[in-house]
Protein backbone atom coordinates (compact mmCIF):
# COMPACT_ATOMS: atom_id res chain seq x y z
CA GLY A 1 -16.87 -40.77 39.11
CA ASN A 2 -20.10 -39.05 38.16
CA LEU A 3 -20.86 -41.52 35.36
CA ALA A 4 -20.66 -44.45 37.80
CA LEU A 5 -23.01 -42.64 40.19
CA LEU A 6 -25.51 -41.95 37.43
CA GLN A 7 -25.35 -45.50 36.07
CA ALA A 8 -25.81 -46.96 39.57
CA ASP A 9 -28.90 -44.77 39.96
CA LEU A 10 -30.23 -46.01 36.61
CA ALA A 11 -29.74 -49.61 37.76
CA ASP A 12 -31.39 -48.96 41.13
CA LYS A 13 -34.42 -47.48 39.40
CA GLY A 14 -34.53 -50.08 36.62
CA LEU A 15 -34.22 -47.42 33.91
CA GLY A 16 -32.83 -48.05 30.43
CA GLY A 17 -31.15 -44.67 30.18
CA ILE A 18 -31.36 -40.95 30.75
CA CYS A 19 -31.00 -37.87 28.57
CA LEU A 20 -29.17 -34.81 29.88
CA PHE A 21 -29.73 -31.60 27.95
CA ASP A 22 -28.32 -28.59 29.76
CA PRO A 23 -24.66 -27.62 29.41
CA GLU A 24 -24.12 -27.71 33.20
CA SER A 25 -25.21 -31.36 33.33
CA LEU A 26 -23.00 -32.26 30.37
CA TYR A 27 -20.07 -30.57 32.08
CA TRP A 28 -20.81 -32.32 35.41
CA LEU A 29 -20.90 -35.68 33.66
CA THR A 30 -18.06 -35.37 31.14
CA GLY A 31 -16.18 -32.11 31.55
CA TYR A 32 -17.41 -31.13 28.06
CA ARG A 33 -17.65 -27.36 27.79
CA SER A 34 -20.30 -26.00 25.48
CA ILE A 35 -22.00 -22.76 24.64
CA GLY A 36 -24.95 -24.87 23.52
CA TYR A 37 -27.72 -22.89 25.15
CA PHE A 38 -29.05 -21.90 21.73
CA THR A 39 -28.75 -25.26 19.97
CA PHE A 40 -29.96 -28.79 20.66
CA GLN A 41 -27.54 -31.09 22.45
CA CYS A 42 -28.06 -34.15 24.57
CA ALA A 43 -25.93 -36.68 26.42
CA LEU A 44 -27.55 -40.10 26.26
CA VAL A 45 -26.42 -42.21 29.20
CA LEU A 46 -27.14 -45.92 29.22
CA PRO A 47 -26.66 -48.35 32.11
CA GLU A 48 -23.33 -49.44 30.62
CA GLY A 49 -20.70 -47.67 28.56
CA GLY A 50 -19.85 -44.04 28.17
CA PRO A 51 -22.12 -41.13 27.30
CA ILE A 52 -23.22 -40.58 23.72
CA LEU A 53 -23.39 -36.94 22.71
CA VAL A 54 -26.11 -35.97 20.23
CA SER A 55 -25.23 -32.52 18.91
CA ARG A 56 -24.50 -30.39 15.85
CA ARG A 57 -21.90 -31.88 13.51
CA VAL A 58 -19.58 -28.90 14.10
CA ASN A 59 -19.12 -30.11 17.71
CA ARG A 60 -17.93 -33.61 16.70
CA ALA A 61 -14.14 -33.11 16.90
CA VAL A 62 -14.26 -31.34 20.26
CA ALA A 63 -16.69 -33.93 21.69
CA LEU A 64 -14.69 -36.94 20.54
CA GLY A 65 -11.51 -35.31 21.81
CA ASN A 66 -13.05 -35.60 25.28
CA GLU A 67 -12.09 -38.99 26.75
CA ASN A 68 -15.33 -39.07 28.75
CA ILE A 69 -17.57 -39.08 25.67
CA ALA A 70 -17.83 -42.53 24.11
CA ASP A 71 -19.67 -41.74 20.88
CA PHE A 72 -21.15 -38.88 18.89
CA VAL A 73 -24.35 -38.65 16.85
CA ALA A 74 -24.33 -35.73 14.43
CA ILE A 75 -27.23 -33.40 13.83
CA GLU A 76 -27.20 -31.35 10.65
CA ASP A 77 -28.60 -27.84 10.93
CA THR A 78 -31.55 -28.86 8.73
CA ASP A 79 -32.34 -32.05 10.70
CA ASP A 80 -35.15 -32.61 13.17
CA ALA A 81 -32.99 -32.90 16.28
CA VAL A 82 -35.63 -34.73 18.32
CA ALA A 83 -36.04 -37.32 15.56
CA ILE A 84 -32.26 -37.87 15.49
CA LEU A 85 -32.22 -38.34 19.27
CA ALA A 86 -35.20 -40.72 19.11
CA GLN A 87 -33.40 -42.79 16.48
CA ALA A 88 -30.22 -42.88 18.61
CA ILE A 89 -32.27 -44.11 21.57
CA GLU A 90 -34.12 -46.73 19.52
CA THR A 91 -30.87 -48.19 18.16
CA ARG A 92 -29.13 -48.32 21.55
CA VAL A 93 -31.77 -49.04 24.21
CA SER A 94 -33.11 -52.57 24.29
């Protein structure tokens, strides 16, 4: 599928991961439908394993109900979303 294509490209390029931000890319990768144009969301894709969605806490149940999303990192409305994403990357990318 699309995840395998993306992970093969990461391996070919020697990259540790990629972040996808726009709803169309998230849908292409996972089938996750979002109206997230006005809020921060990101799919973190590593060379192995499923995508990790970094998004507002209110999206958690819908995201984890999607079999193509492996994990969810919650952002509170008062959080610095970029800092939360940076922390998620630091803890998962070696």
